[in-house]
Amino acid sequence: MHTGLIIDALIILGYFAAVVSIGLYKGRGSNTMEGFAVGDRNIPWWAVLASILAAEISAATFLGAPGEGYALRNFTYAQLAIGTILARIVIAYVFILPYYRYRVVSIYEFLLIRFGRRTRDAASAVFLVTRALASGTRLYVAAVVLVLGYEHFSGAHLEPLQEVAVYVVALVLLTAVTAVYTALGGIKAVVWTDFIQATIMFGALGYAIWALLGRVEGGWAGALSVLKGPTDLVFLDTGIQSGLGLWGNVKGILESEYTIFAAVLGSTFLTMATHGTDQDMVQRMLTAKDHHRSRLALILSGLADLPLVLCFLLVGILLWVFYQKPGMQHPFAHFILEEMPTGARGLLVAGIFATAMGSLSTALNALATSFTEDWYVPRISPGATSQQVVRAARISTVVFSVLLVLIGSATAYAVIVLKSRVIPIVLGIFGYTYGSLLGVFLVGMLTRTRGSNRGNLVAMACGFVFVAVLSGLHNDLWTLIHPAAAVGASVSPLWKPDWLPTVEFPWRIMFGTLLTFAVAVAFRTPQEQVEKARNHVHPDSP
């Protein structure tokens, strides 16, 4: 056992060393903001494609998607991939060209050019807060396998505060390693390490499926003999039930996560927001040589999403056949630690770290770029030289690394010690805020004379409040802070009429977008701003 652990540890340490070395080597020469943030727009499309996939598959997905397959024993979660493909086509032909035409580094510069400073500042602030909270919380999930591994191999049962301490150590280690190559190498280091991490992740996923099929009695045929439930292995689910009537079915669909309607409508808006208005995702798209290659990488990443998600869910379904324990938490992590042989276990743990570091490095680089371009240069140091700007971006990368560790540690404490349900709120923060972002971006992309600074701020506030009410955020927060919740007592909601649906996460951005767009488009853009945007096209733009 001791020798096996040493071998696994060496594999993981070798992975860390390789990633840092490759990141620093590929990121050398990033001495301008154009190089630090968008790699001088000279990265091959296939590397951009791998980076997009690595960025969107976090450790929460690596462990959580198999958990969905385990709990549901079907593929309905994969329906959402339909919307991701449709959304990528819209982004490719509506969003990408204007970003290249204006040669933006931070995508919120587009809003500055199109509407003015207040809209840019509001959108950038929403991104910085949302991304920091969401990425910090996801770090907590990435450390789960380390804590489970410590308990499994040491045989010790950790007290709550001891468990939090292990989480903090894991978070510091993971973030420090990632911050080194991200701060020094910029987006080039991020994209090329993402390529390596995506390769490891796919290899680990394929090996997990092969290993599970070998461990299940009778292989795939044996698994099919177990999976005979009415919803087992189902892919499409309409969510429509007889006897509920029109409004009853509409309400039921809006309160369901995985239906064909959520896939075609809700998931499309969700992906348009996360891949079209989030600096984290768009930044790597802007590293391609031109908008044609950027479009190619984006659309192909969407086509790759469906088989990837199906593989993650297949892992979860096979785990159910193997364990058959209802309510089991983190079944994939347990299988890796308890059932995998030496070497393979190290590879799979490295795969989990790869997903965590891939999404973390992109978040750090995007946060640093947005802060530097949207706040440091225009507000803090307008006369900064190119070298000073890059230095500020690197320093802010380190600062955001510390912030994310603090958020991840606070999340671990809240979940383990306080038994709080803060994770669903924080992980769902995109749904509350990104509809407002997408609505304003769509006004800017689809119109030339509609939308203004004042109108956009009003519209974004309306979109947030509307989604908060529809999703029951006020009731979630009330339950979270109410003293009775700490002792498990029932807490009455503040306001929840029976007729009002509590919409699930695939729908939230859609409703926020539609209301924000409807309000913002009612305002007219000042003529001088229209002329400014018209004259701002970069001379080398397509």
Protein backbone atom coordinates (compact mmCIF):
# COMPACT_ATOMS: atom_id res chain seq x y z
CA MET A 1 0.00 0.00 0.00
CA HIS A 2 2.80 2.36 0.98
CA THR A 3 4.70 1.71 -2.27
CA GLY A 4 1.53 2.18 -4.30
CA LEU A 5 0.86 5.54 -2.70
CA ILE A 6 4.41 6.66 -3.48
CA ILE A 7 3.97 5.70 -7.14
CA ASP A 8 0.64 7.55 -7.36
CA ALA A 9 2.17 10.59 -5.66
CA LEU A 10 5.09 10.59 -8.10
CA ILE A 11 2.68 10.48 -11.05
CA ILE A 12 0.76 13.45 -9.65
CA LEU A 13 3.94 15.41 -8.86
CA GLY A 14 5.25 14.63 -12.33
CA TYR A 15 2.04 15.99 -13.78
CA PHE A 16 2.37 19.22 -11.77
CA ALA A 17 6.01 19.64 -12.84
CA ALA A 18 5.19 19.01 -16.52
CA VAL A 19 2.28 21.45 -16.56
CA VAL A 20 4.25 24.26 -14.89
CA SER A 21 7.26 23.72 -17.18
CA ILE A 22 5.17 23.67 -20.35
CA GLY A 23 3.18 26.70 -19.19
CA LEU A 24 6.29 28.76 -18.49
CA TYR A 25 7.95 27.68 -21.74
CA LYS A 26 4.96 28.40 -23.96
CA GLY A 27 4.14 31.65 -22.13
CA ARG A 28 7.58 33.20 -22.49
CA GLY A 29 7.68 36.58 -24.20
CA SER A 30 4.23 37.76 -23.03
CA ASN A 31 5.50 41.28 -22.30
CA THR A 32 2.56 43.25 -23.68
CA MET A 33 -1.09 43.18 -22.71
CA GLU A 34 -1.93 41.90 -26.19
CA GLY A 35 0.45 38.99 -25.57
CA PHE A 36 -0.58 38.40 -21.93
CA ALA A 37 -4.35 38.49 -22.57
CA VAL A 38 -4.89 37.20 -26.13
CA GLY A 39 -1.54 35.60 -27.05
CA ASP A 40 -0.92 38.14 -29.83
CA ARG A 41 -3.90 36.45 -31.54
CA ASN A 42 -1.59 33.82 -32.96
CA ILE A 43 -2.62 30.50 -31.34
CA PRO A 44 -3.74 27.56 -33.57
CA TRP A 45 -7.48 26.94 -33.66
CA TRP A 46 -7.12 23.33 -32.49
CA ALA A 47 -5.32 24.47 -29.34
CA VAL A 48 -8.08 27.04 -28.77
CA LEU A 49 -10.63 24.23 -29.16
CA ALA A 50 -8.90 22.13 -26.49
CA SER A 51 -8.64 25.16 -24.20
CA ILE A 52 -12.38 25.85 -24.47
CA LEU A 53 -13.16 22.25 -23.51
CA ALA A 54 -10.68 22.29 -20.62
CA ALA A 55 -12.09 25.58 -19.33
CA GLU A 56 -15.72 24.48 -19.30
CA ILE A 57 -15.13 21.05 -17.73
CA SER A 58 -14.32 21.85 -14.13
CA ALA A 59 -13.61 19.43 -11.30
CA ALA A 60 -17.26 19.90 -10.34
CA THR A 61 -18.18 18.49 -13.76
CA PHE A 62 -15.60 15.69 -13.59
CA LEU A 63 -17.05 14.48 -10.30
CA GLY A 64 -20.56 15.95 -10.55
CA ALA A 65 -21.67 14.74 -14.00
CA PRO A 66 -21.01 11.09 -13.09
CA GLY A 67 -22.97 11.84 -9.92
CA GLU A 68 -25.93 12.88 -12.09
CA GLY A 69 -25.64 9.67 -14.10
CA TYR A 70 -25.43 7.69 -10.85
CA ALA A 71 -28.51 9.36 -9.35
CA LEU A 72 -30.70 9.35 -12.49
CA ARG A 73 -29.32 6.26 -14.29
CA ASN A 74 -30.04 7.95 -17.61
CA PHE A 75 -28.69 10.50 -20.09
CA THR A 76 -31.28 13.27 -19.70
CA TYR A 77 -28.62 15.65 -18.37
CA ALA A 78 -26.94 15.42 -21.81
CA GLN A 79 -29.99 17.02 -23.44
CA LEU A 80 -28.56 20.38 -22.38
CA ALA A 81 -25.73 19.84 -24.88
CA ILE A 82 -28.26 20.50 -27.65
CA GLY A 83 -28.58 24.08 -26.48
CA THR A 84 -24.82 24.49 -26.17
CA ILE A 85 -24.43 23.64 -29.86
CA LEU A 86 -27.20 26.02 -30.95
CA ALA A 87 -25.78 28.79 -28.77
CA ARG A 88 -22.28 28.39 -30.16
CA ILE A 89 -23.58 28.91 -33.69
CA VAL A 90 -25.25 32.16 -32.59
CA ILE A 91 -22.11 33.32 -30.77
CA ALA A 92 -19.91 32.44 -33.74
CA TYR A 93 -21.92 34.57 -36.18
CA VAL A 94 -23.17 37.37 -33.91
CA PHE A 95 -20.53 37.95 -31.22
CA ILE A 96 -17.11 36.91 -32.53
CA LEU A 97 -16.83 39.31 -35.48
CA PRO A 98 -17.55 42.51 -33.48
CA TYR A 99 -14.96 41.48 -30.88
CA TYR A 100 -12.35 41.10 -33.62
CA ARG A 101 -13.52 44.20 -35.45
CA TYR A 102 -12.98 46.39 -32.38
CA ARG A 103 -9.81 44.45 -31.37
CA VAL A 104 -10.93 44.26 -27.75
CA VAL A 105 -8.78 42.63 -25.08
CA SER A 106 -11.46 42.73 -22.40
CA ILE A 107 -14.81 42.00 -24.03
CA TYR A 108 -16.41 44.66 -21.83
CA GLU A 109 -14.49 47.19 -23.93
CA PHE A 110 -17.13 46.44 -26.57
CA LEU A 111 -19.75 47.90 -24.23
CA LEU A 112 -17.54 50.92 -23.63
CA ILE A 113 -17.32 51.57 -27.36
CA ARG A 114 -20.97 50.85 -28.04
CA PHE A 115 -22.63 52.54 -25.02
CA GLY A 116 -20.13 54.24 -22.74
CA ARG A 117 -18.17 53.84 -19.52
CA ARG A 118 -21.00 53.21 -17.06
CA THR A 119 -22.30 50.20 -18.98
CA ARG A 120 -18.77 48.82 -19.29
CA ASP A 121 -18.10 49.32 -15.58
CA ALA A 122 -21.36 47.66 -14.53
CA ALA A 123 -20.82 44.63 -16.78
CA SER A 124 -17.18 44.22 -15.75
CA ALA A 125 -18.10 44.47 -12.05
CA VAL A 126 -20.81 41.83 -12.49
CA PHE A 127 -18.28 39.53 -14.15
CA LEU A 128 -15.57 40.06 -11.52
CA VAL A 129 -17.89 39.35 -8.58
CA THR A 130 -19.72 36.46 -10.23
CA ARG A 131 -16.62 34.73 -11.55
CA ALA A 132 -14.70 35.11 -8.27
CA LEU A 133 -17.54 33.60 -6.23
CA ALA A 134 -18.25 30.77 -8.65
CA SER A 135 -14.61 29.84 -9.26
CA GLY A 136 -13.72 30.04 -5.57
CA THR A 137 -16.61 27.76 -4.70
CA ARG A 138 -15.65 25.26 -7.40
CA LEU A 139 -12.20 25.05 -5.87
CA TYR A 140 -13.85 23.46 -2.83
CA VAL A 141 -15.21 20.68 -5.03
CA ALA A 142 -11.76 20.07 -6.55
CA ALA A 143 -10.32 19.31 -3.12
CA VAL A 144 -12.90 16.62 -2.31
CA VAL A 145 -10.75 13.82 -3.70
CA LEU A 146 -7.77 14.83 -1.53
CA VAL A 147 -9.84 14.82 1.65
CA LEU A 148 -11.47 11.49 0.81
CA GLY A 149 -8.05 10.07 -0.07
CA TYR A 150 -6.55 11.21 3.22
CA GLU A 151 -9.36 9.62 5.22
CA HIS A 152 -9.30 6.43 3.15
CA PHE A 153 -5.58 5.73 3.31
CA SER A 154 -4.89 7.05 6.80
CA GLY A 155 -7.89 5.28 8.30
CA ALA A 156 -8.53 8.39 10.39
CA HIS A 157 -11.88 10.07 10.76
CA LEU A 158 -11.37 13.82 10.57
CA GLU A 159 -13.19 16.19 12.86
CA PRO A 160 -14.94 19.07 11.06
CA LEU A 161 -12.20 21.65 11.69
CA GLN A 162 -9.51 19.11 10.76
CA GLU A 163 -11.35 18.41 7.52
CA VAL A 164 -11.49 22.14 6.78
CA ALA A 165 -7.74 22.37 7.41
CA VAL A 166 -7.07 19.61 4.86
CA TYR A 167 -9.26 21.44 2.35
CA VAL A 168 -7.34 24.69 2.91
CA VAL A 169 -3.98 22.98 2.37
CA ALA A 170 -5.27 21.36 -0.83
CA LEU A 171 -6.66 24.68 -2.10
CA VAL A 172 -3.42 26.53 -1.42
CA LEU A 173 -1.34 23.87 -3.20
CA LEU A 174 -3.61 23.65 -6.24
CA THR A 175 -3.96 27.41 -6.61
CA ALA A 176 -0.27 28.20 -6.02
CA VAL A 177 0.87 25.80 -8.75
CA THR A 178 -1.70 27.18 -11.20
CA ALA A 179 -0.94 30.82 -10.35
CA VAL A 180 2.76 30.41 -11.11
CA TYR A 181 2.42 29.69 -14.82
CA THR A 182 -0.75 31.80 -15.23
CA ALA A 183 0.83 34.96 -13.81
CA LEU A 184 4.14 34.60 -15.66
CA GLY A 185 2.96 33.08 -18.94
CA GLY A 186 -0.42 34.72 -19.47
CA ILE A 187 -2.98 33.31 -21.89
CA LYS A 188 -0.36 31.41 -23.93
CA ALA A 189 0.54 29.39 -20.86
CA VAL A 190 -3.15 28.90 -20.10
CA VAL A 191 -4.07 27.65 -23.58
CA TRP A 192 -1.15 25.26 -23.98
CA THR A 193 -1.47 23.81 -20.50
CA ASP A 194 -5.21 23.49 -21.17
CA PHE A 195 -4.30 21.40 -24.22
CA ILE A 196 -2.19 19.07 -22.06
CA GLN A 197 -4.84 18.98 -19.34
CA ALA A 198 -7.61 18.21 -21.83
CA THR A 199 -5.55 15.28 -23.16
CA ILE A 200 -5.05 13.91 -19.64
CA MET A 201 -8.71 14.44 -18.81
CA PHE A 202 -9.92 12.56 -21.91
CA GLY A 203 -7.46 9.76 -21.25
CA ALA A 204 -8.60 9.45 -17.64
CA LEU A 205 -12.25 9.44 -18.70
CA GLY A 206 -11.70 6.74 -21.33
CA TYR A 207 -9.74 4.61 -18.87
CA ALA A 208 -12.48 4.96 -16.25
CA ILE A 209 -15.11 3.63 -18.68
CA TRP A 210 -12.87 0.72 -19.69
CA ALA A 211 -12.09 -0.11 -16.05
CA LEU A 212 -15.74 0.02 -15.00
CA LEU A 213 -16.85 -2.23 -17.85
CA GLY A 214 -14.21 -4.69 -16.70
CA ARG A 215 -15.40 -4.57 -13.08
CA VAL A 216 -19.14 -4.88 -13.81
CA GLU A 217 -20.15 -8.53 -13.92
CA GLY A 218 -21.00 -9.44 -17.51
CA GLY A 219 -19.69 -6.16 -18.91
CA TRP A 220 -22.14 -3.98 -20.83
CA ALA A 221 -24.60 -6.85 -21.26
CA GLY A 222 -24.55 -7.36 -17.51
CA ALA A 223 -25.15 -3.67 -16.95
CA LEU A 224 -28.17 -3.74 -19.27
CA SER A 225 -29.63 -6.62 -17.25
CA VAL A 226 -29.61 -4.32 -14.19
CA LEU A 227 -30.81 -1.13 -15.88
CA LYS A 228 -34.46 -2.05 -16.51
CA GLY A 229 -36.24 0.85 -14.76
CA PRO A 230 -38.80 2.94 -16.72
CA THR A 231 -36.42 5.91 -16.98
CA ASP A 232 -33.11 4.03 -17.13
CA LEU A 233 -30.88 5.00 -20.10
CA VAL A 234 -33.44 7.55 -21.35
CA PHE A 235 -32.00 10.48 -23.32
CA LEU A 236 -34.96 12.71 -24.20
CA ASP A 237 -37.54 13.80 -21.64
CA THR A 238 -40.33 16.23 -22.51
CA GLY A 239 -41.37 16.78 -18.90
CA ILE A 240 -45.04 16.79 -19.98
CA GLN A 241 -47.43 14.89 -17.72
CA SER A 242 -51.03 14.02 -18.50
CA GLY A 243 -53.70 15.49 -16.27
CA LEU A 244 -51.81 18.64 -15.24
CA GLY A 245 -53.32 20.96 -17.84
CA LEU A 246 -51.47 23.67 -19.78
CA TRP A 247 -50.25 25.85 -16.90
CA GLY A 248 -49.52 22.85 -14.72
CA ASN A 249 -47.22 21.43 -17.40
CA VAL A 250 -45.58 24.81 -18.08
CA LYS A 251 -44.93 25.20 -14.36
CA GLY A 252 -43.59 21.66 -14.13
CA ILE A 253 -41.24 22.16 -17.08
CA LEU A 254 -39.87 25.42 -15.65
CA GLU A 255 -39.27 23.65 -12.34
CA SER A 256 -37.41 20.77 -14.06
CA GLU A 257 -33.71 20.79 -14.88
CA TYR A 258 -33.46 18.29 -17.72
CA THR A 259 -36.20 18.39 -20.35
CA ILE A 260 -36.06 18.86 -24.10
CA PHE A 261 -37.53 22.35 -23.63
CA ALA A 262 -34.76 23.29 -21.21
CA ALA A 263 -32.26 21.90 -23.72
CA VAL A 264 -33.51 23.85 -26.73
CA LEU A 265 -34.46 27.12 -25.00
CA GLY A 266 -32.95 27.42 -21.54
CA SER A 267 -29.58 25.86 -22.32
CA THR A 268 -29.20 27.97 -25.47
CA PHE A 269 -29.52 31.22 -23.54
CA LEU A 270 -27.34 29.86 -20.72
CA THR A 271 -24.50 28.99 -23.11
CA MET A 272 -24.85 32.27 -25.03
CA ALA A 273 -24.21 34.04 -21.73
CA THR A 274 -21.36 31.86 -20.44
CA HIS A 275 -19.58 31.61 -23.83
CA GLY A 276 -20.46 34.98 -25.34
CA THR A 277 -20.41 37.51 -22.49
CA ASP A 278 -18.01 35.93 -19.99
CA GLN A 279 -14.39 37.11 -20.29
CA ASP A 280 -13.29 33.70 -19.04
CA MET A 281 -14.57 31.86 -22.12
CA VAL A 282 -14.38 34.53 -24.83
CA GLN A 283 -10.77 35.46 -24.08
CA ARG A 284 -9.39 32.18 -25.41
CA MET A 285 -11.55 32.51 -28.53
CA LEU A 286 -9.84 35.84 -29.25
CA THR A 287 -6.40 34.17 -29.29
CA ALA A 288 -7.08 32.61 -32.71
CA LYS A 289 -5.53 34.29 -35.75
CA ASP A 290 -8.85 35.55 -37.13
CA HIS A 291 -12.58 35.32 -36.58
CA HIS A 292 -12.92 32.40 -39.02
CA ARG A 293 -10.59 30.19 -36.99
CA SER A 294 -12.20 31.37 -33.77
CA ARG A 295 -15.62 30.36 -35.10
CA LEU A 296 -14.29 26.94 -36.12
CA ALA A 297 -12.83 26.26 -32.68
CA LEU A 298 -16.02 27.39 -30.93
CA ILE A 299 -18.47 25.36 -33.04
CA LEU A 300 -16.34 22.20 -32.93
CA SER A 301 -16.09 22.50 -29.15
CA GLY A 302 -19.89 22.41 -29.04
CA LEU A 303 -20.01 19.29 -31.21
CA ALA A 304 -17.47 17.67 -28.88
CA ASP A 305 -19.57 18.51 -25.83
CA LEU A 306 -22.30 15.94 -26.48
CA PRO A 307 -20.09 12.80 -26.63
CA LEU A 308 -18.07 14.10 -23.67
CA VAL A 309 -21.15 14.57 -21.50
CA LEU A 310 -22.49 11.18 -22.56
CA CYS A 311 -19.19 9.60 -21.45
CA PHE A 312 -19.34 11.31 -18.05
CA LEU A 313 -22.91 10.12 -17.57
CA LEU A 314 -21.99 6.60 -18.71
CA VAL A 315 -19.36 6.53 -15.97
CA GLY A 316 -22.05 7.43 -13.45
CA ILE A 317 -24.49 4.81 -14.76
CA LEU A 318 -21.82 2.11 -14.61
CA LEU A 319 -20.94 3.23 -11.10
CA TRP A 320 -24.58 2.67 -10.12
CA VAL A 321 -24.45 -0.85 -11.57
CA PHE A 322 -21.20 -1.49 -9.67
CA TYR A 323 -22.24 -0.08 -6.27
CA GLN A 324 -26.08 -0.01 -6.31
CA LYS A 325 -26.14 2.16 -3.19
CA PRO A 326 -28.84 4.87 -3.35
CA GLY A 327 -27.75 8.31 -2.15
CA MET A 328 -24.03 7.59 -2.33
CA GLN A 329 -21.99 10.83 -2.32
CA HIS A 330 -19.11 11.30 -4.76
CA PRO A 331 -19.26 7.75 -6.19
CA PHE A 332 -16.59 8.44 -8.83
CA ALA A 333 -14.12 9.73 -6.23
CA HIS A 334 -14.72 6.64 -4.09
CA PHE A 335 -14.20 4.32 -7.08
CA ILE A 336 -10.93 6.03 -8.01
CA LEU A 337 -9.53 5.86 -4.50
CA GLU A 338 -10.83 2.44 -3.46
CA GLU A 339 -10.97 0.35 -6.64
CA MET A 340 -8.31 1.64 -9.03
CA PRO A 341 -4.90 -0.06 -9.10
CA THR A 342 -1.66 1.81 -8.42
CA GLY A 343 -0.68 4.07 -11.30
CA ALA A 344 -4.18 4.21 -12.74
CA ARG A 345 -5.33 5.84 -9.52
CA GLY A 346 -2.59 8.45 -9.87
CA LEU A 347 -3.61 9.08 -13.49
CA LEU A 348 -7.27 9.59 -12.59
CA VAL A 349 -6.46 11.89 -9.68
CA ALA A 350 -4.21 13.84 -12.06
CA GLY A 351 -7.22 14.01 -14.40
CA ILE A 352 -9.28 15.61 -11.64
CA PHE A 353 -6.50 18.10 -10.95
CA ALA A 354 -6.27 18.76 -14.70
CA THR A 355 -9.92 19.78 -14.86
CA ALA A 356 -9.55 21.94 -11.75
CA MET A 357 -6.38 23.66 -12.97
CA GLY A 358 -7.78 24.16 -16.47
CA SER A 359 -10.84 26.04 -15.26
CA LEU A 360 -8.86 27.82 -12.51
CA SER A 361 -6.13 29.14 -14.82
CA THR A 362 -8.69 30.52 -17.27
CA ALA A 363 -10.59 32.20 -14.45
CA LEU A 364 -7.44 33.78 -13.01
CA ASN A 365 -6.29 35.08 -16.40
CA ALA A 366 -9.74 36.44 -17.25
CA LEU A 367 -10.16 38.13 -13.85
CA ALA A 368 -6.72 39.73 -14.13
CA THR A 369 -7.35 40.88 -17.71
CA SER A 370 -10.75 42.37 -16.96
CA PHE A 371 -9.52 44.15 -13.84
CA THR A 372 -6.43 45.53 -15.59
CA GLU A 373 -8.15 46.67 -18.79
CA ASP A 374 -11.43 47.85 -17.28
CA TRP A 375 -10.26 49.31 -13.98
CA TYR A 376 -6.48 49.67 -13.58
CA VAL A 377 -5.73 51.39 -16.90
CA PRO A 378 -8.71 53.81 -17.06
CA ARG A 379 -9.13 54.49 -13.33
CA ILE A 380 -5.98 53.73 -11.34
CA SER A 381 -3.09 54.45 -13.71
CA PRO A 382 -4.21 56.00 -17.03
CA GLY A 383 -0.64 56.87 -18.04
CA ALA A 384 0.87 53.44 -17.33
CA THR A 385 3.43 52.07 -19.77
CA SER A 386 2.96 48.70 -21.48
CA GLN A 387 5.37 47.05 -19.04
CA GLN A 388 3.53 48.55 -16.05
CA VAL A 389 0.20 47.30 -17.37
CA VAL A 390 1.49 43.74 -17.77
CA ARG A 391 3.06 43.88 -14.30
CA ALA A 392 -0.31 45.00 -12.90
CA ALA A 393 -1.98 42.06 -14.65
CA ARG A 394 0.50 39.63 -13.12
CA ILE A 395 0.12 41.12 -9.64
CA SER A 396 -3.66 41.02 -9.90
CA THR A 397 -3.42 37.33 -10.93
CA VAL A 398 -1.73 36.61 -7.61
CA VAL A 399 -4.25 38.76 -5.71
CA PHE A 400 -7.18 36.94 -7.30
CA SER A 401 -5.49 33.61 -6.49
CA VAL A 402 -5.49 34.54 -2.81
CA LEU A 403 -9.11 35.70 -3.04
CA LEU A 404 -10.25 32.43 -4.63
CA VAL A 405 -8.47 30.41 -1.94
CA LEU A 406 -10.25 32.46 0.72
CA ILE A 407 -13.62 31.92 -0.97
CA GLY A 408 -12.98 28.19 -1.35
CA SER A 409 -11.89 27.92 2.29
CA ALA A 410 -14.95 29.85 3.47
CA THR A 411 -17.13 27.52 1.40
CA ALA A 412 -15.51 24.47 3.01
CA TYR A 413 -16.10 25.94 6.48
CA ALA A 414 -19.72 26.83 5.69
CA VAL A 415 -20.50 23.36 4.33
CA ILE A 416 -18.54 21.22 6.80
CA VAL A 417 -18.86 23.14 10.07
CA LEU A 418 -22.03 25.20 9.62
CA LYS A 419 -23.81 22.57 7.50
CA SER A 420 -24.89 25.39 5.22
CA ARG A 421 -26.45 24.98 1.78
CA VAL A 422 -24.47 27.90 0.40
CA ILE A 423 -23.08 25.96 -2.56
CA PRO A 424 -26.33 25.83 -4.61
CA ILE A 425 -26.67 29.61 -4.19
CA VAL A 426 -23.09 30.47 -5.13
CA LEU A 427 -22.79 27.95 -7.97
CA GLY A 428 -26.08 29.25 -9.33
CA ILE A 429 -24.96 32.87 -9.24
CA PHE A 430 -24.51 32.85 -13.02
CA GLY A 431 -28.22 32.38 -13.40
CA TYR A 432 -28.98 35.47 -11.34
CA THR A 433 -26.55 37.86 -13.05
CA TYR A 434 -25.61 36.66 -16.54
CA GLY A 435 -29.06 37.20 -18.03
CA SER A 436 -28.53 40.91 -17.43
CA LEU A 437 -25.14 40.75 -19.13
CA LEU A 438 -26.44 38.84 -22.15
CA GLY A 439 -29.43 41.17 -22.57
CA VAL A 440 -27.21 44.26 -22.77
CA PHE A 441 -24.71 42.58 -25.10
CA LEU A 442 -27.53 41.52 -27.43
CA VAL A 443 -28.83 45.10 -27.60
CA GLY A 444 -25.32 46.21 -28.54
CA MET A 445 -24.81 43.42 -31.10
CA LEU A 446 -28.24 43.43 -32.76
CA THR A 447 -28.99 47.15 -32.86
CA ARG A 448 -27.06 50.33 -33.66
CA THR A 449 -29.18 53.04 -32.08
CA ARG A 450 -30.89 51.40 -29.10
CA GLY A 451 -29.63 51.25 -25.52
CA SER A 452 -27.97 53.85 -23.34
CA ASN A 453 -25.92 53.97 -20.15
CA ARG A 454 -28.89 54.87 -17.98
CA GLY A 455 -31.27 52.49 -19.73
CA ASN A 456 -28.81 49.60 -19.55
CA LEU A 457 -28.29 49.99 -15.81
CA VAL A 458 -32.04 50.09 -15.23
CA ALA A 459 -32.50 47.05 -17.46
CA MET A 460 -29.76 45.04 -15.74
CA ALA A 461 -31.26 45.76 -12.32
CA CYS A 462 -34.72 44.73 -13.55
CA GLY A 463 -33.35 41.51 -15.03
CA PHE A 464 -31.59 40.56 -11.79
CA VAL A 465 -34.63 41.24 -9.59
CA PHE A 466 -36.94 39.37 -11.96
CA VAL A 467 -34.75 36.25 -11.96
CA ALA A 468 -34.17 36.46 -8.20
CA VAL A 469 -37.93 36.36 -7.59
CA LEU A 470 -38.59 33.60 -10.15
CA SER A 471 -35.79 31.42 -8.76
CA GLY A 472 -36.77 31.99 -5.12
CA LEU A 473 -33.44 33.59 -4.18
CA HIS A 474 -35.11 35.65 -1.47
CA ASN A 475 -36.42 32.47 0.15
CA ASP A 476 -33.06 30.69 -0.19
CA LEU A 477 -31.26 33.56 1.54
CA TRP A 478 -33.93 33.73 4.24
CA THR A 479 -33.50 30.04 4.95
CA LEU A 480 -29.72 30.40 4.92
CA ILE A 481 -29.56 33.18 7.53
CA HIS A 482 -32.59 32.29 9.65
CA PRO A 483 -31.52 30.92 13.05
CA ALA A 484 -34.02 28.09 12.89
CA ALA A 485 -32.24 26.68 9.83
CA ALA A 486 -29.17 25.93 11.95
CA VAL A 487 -31.08 23.44 14.09
CA GLY A 488 -32.98 21.87 11.23
CA ALA A 489 -36.35 23.46 11.99
CA SER A 490 -38.77 24.26 9.20
CA VAL A 491 -38.48 27.84 7.93
CA SER A 492 -41.50 29.39 6.23
CA PRO A 493 -40.69 31.18 2.95
CA LEU A 494 -40.97 34.94 2.74
CA TRP A 495 -43.17 34.86 -0.35
CA LYS A 496 -44.04 31.91 -2.56
CA PRO A 497 -47.53 31.75 -4.05
CA ASP A 498 -48.56 28.33 -5.31
CA TRP A 499 -49.15 29.54 -8.86
CA LEU A 500 -45.62 30.94 -9.27
CA PRO A 501 -43.02 28.44 -10.52
CA THR A 502 -39.59 28.32 -8.92
CA VAL A 503 -37.55 28.14 -12.11
CA GLU A 504 -34.55 25.84 -12.27
CA PHE A 505 -31.07 26.91 -13.40
CA PRO A 506 -31.40 26.23 -17.17
CA TRP A 507 -34.23 28.80 -17.38
CA ARG A 508 -32.94 31.65 -15.25
CA ILE A 509 -30.64 33.31 -17.77
CA MET A 510 -33.33 33.16 -20.46
CA PHE A 511 -35.82 35.11 -18.36
CA GLY A 512 -33.18 37.59 -17.24
CA THR A 513 -32.04 38.13 -20.81
CA LEU A 514 -35.51 38.69 -22.25
CA LEU A 515 -36.52 41.24 -19.62
CA THR A 516 -33.17 43.06 -19.72
CA PHE A 517 -33.30 43.27 -23.53
CA ALA A 518 -36.91 44.48 -23.51
CA VAL A 519 -36.15 47.30 -21.06
CA ALA A 520 -32.78 48.33 -22.55
CA VAL A 521 -34.03 48.46 -26.14
CA ALA A 522 -36.66 51.03 -25.11
CA PHE A 523 -33.87 53.61 -24.63
CA ARG A 524 -32.15 55.37 -27.54
CA THR A 525 -28.38 55.57 -27.89
CA PRO A 526 -27.12 59.21 -27.96
CA GLN A 527 -26.09 60.18 -31.50
CA GLU A 528 -22.53 61.06 -30.50
CA GLN A 529 -22.10 57.55 -29.07
CA VAL A 530 -23.47 56.03 -32.29
CA GLU A 531 -20.86 57.97 -34.29
CA LYS A 532 -18.10 57.04 -31.85
CA ALA A 533 -18.86 53.34 -32.21
CA ARG A 534 -19.06 53.62 -35.99
CA ASN A 535 -15.62 55.25 -36.18
CA HIS A 536 -13.94 52.89 -33.72
CA VAL A 537 -13.42 49.94 -36.07
CA HIS A 538 -9.79 48.78 -35.97
CA PRO A 539 -7.96 49.39 -39.29
CA ASP A 540 -6.78 45.75 -39.43
CA SER A 541 -10.23 44.34 -38.64
CA PRO A 542 -12.06 42.00 -41.03
